[in-house]
């Protein structure tokens, strides 16, 4: 596999993971609104957009750049 093909594969994987992560955030947020849970509203954002999610994405992006 060429380096360009490998980078493109990693980029596709990162995009997919980020979209799935965003989708799960949307579902979690919608459920929290539907059941009126302040705890669920407060909890997903920090975990989705910081911490392990971003660290993992940054590592893969840095390898695919």
Protein backbone atom coordinates (compact mmCIF):
# COMPACT_ATOMS: atom_id res chain seq x y z
CA UNK A 1 0.00 0.00 0.00
CA UNK A 2 1.41 3.38 -0.93
CA UNK A 3 1.87 6.18 1.59
CA UNK A 4 -0.77 8.29 -0.17
CA UNK A 5 -3.31 5.48 -0.06
CA UNK A 6 -2.55 4.87 3.61
CA UNK A 7 -2.99 8.57 4.43
CA UNK A 8 -6.28 8.68 2.53
CA UNK A 9 -7.50 5.60 4.41
CA UNK A 10 -6.61 7.21 7.74
CA UNK A 11 -8.39 10.43 6.74
CA UNK A 12 -11.53 8.50 5.86
CA UNK A 13 -11.36 6.64 9.16
CA UNK A 14 -10.97 9.89 11.12
CA UNK A 15 -13.90 11.47 9.28
CA UNK A 16 -16.07 8.42 9.98
CA UNK A 17 -15.16 8.32 13.68
CA UNK A 18 -15.78 12.05 14.07
CA UNK A 19 -19.17 11.81 12.33
CA UNK A 20 -20.18 8.83 14.45
CA UNK A 21 -19.05 10.66 17.58
CA UNK A 22 -21.06 13.74 16.60
CA UNK A 23 -24.09 11.57 15.81
CA UNK A 24 -23.92 9.87 19.19
CA UNK A 25 -23.67 13.27 20.85
CA UNK A 26 -26.83 14.32 18.99
CA UNK A 27 -28.71 11.23 20.11
CA UNK A 28 -27.58 11.64 23.70
CA UNK A 29 -28.54 15.33 23.66
CA UNK A 30 -31.96 14.62 22.11
CA UNK A 31 -32.72 11.94 24.69
CA UNK A 32 -31.65 14.27 27.49
CA UNK A 33 -34.02 16.94 26.19
CA UNK A 34 -36.85 14.44 25.72
CA UNK A 35 -36.66 13.13 29.29
CA UNK A 36 -35.74 16.47 30.85
CA UNK A 37 -32.45 15.28 32.29
CA UNK A 38 -30.16 18.15 33.23
CA UNK A 39 -27.44 15.66 34.13
CA UNK A 40 -27.45 14.13 30.66
CA UNK A 41 -27.45 17.59 29.09
CA UNK A 42 -24.38 18.61 31.06
CA UNK A 43 -22.43 15.38 30.66
CA UNK A 44 -22.03 14.67 26.92
CA UNK A 45 -20.36 17.86 25.66
CA UNK A 46 -17.13 17.67 27.65
CA UNK A 47 -16.66 14.00 26.81
CA UNK A 48 -17.45 14.38 23.14
CA UNK A 49 -15.36 17.40 22.33
CA UNK A 50 -12.41 17.05 24.65
CA UNK A 51 -10.47 14.38 26.40
CA UNK A 52 -9.93 11.03 24.75
CA UNK A 53 -12.06 11.79 21.70
CA UNK A 54 -9.95 14.73 20.59
CA UNK A 55 -6.68 13.15 21.64
CA UNK A 56 -7.38 10.09 19.54
CA UNK A 57 -8.49 12.13 16.55
CA UNK A 58 -5.45 14.40 16.83
CA UNK A 59 -3.10 11.42 16.90
CA UNK A 60 -4.65 9.89 13.80
CA UNK A 61 -4.80 13.25 12.01
CA UNK A 62 -1.16 13.95 12.76
CA UNK A 63 -0.21 10.62 11.21
CA UNK A 64 -2.38 11.27 8.16
CA UNK A 65 -1.10 14.81 7.48
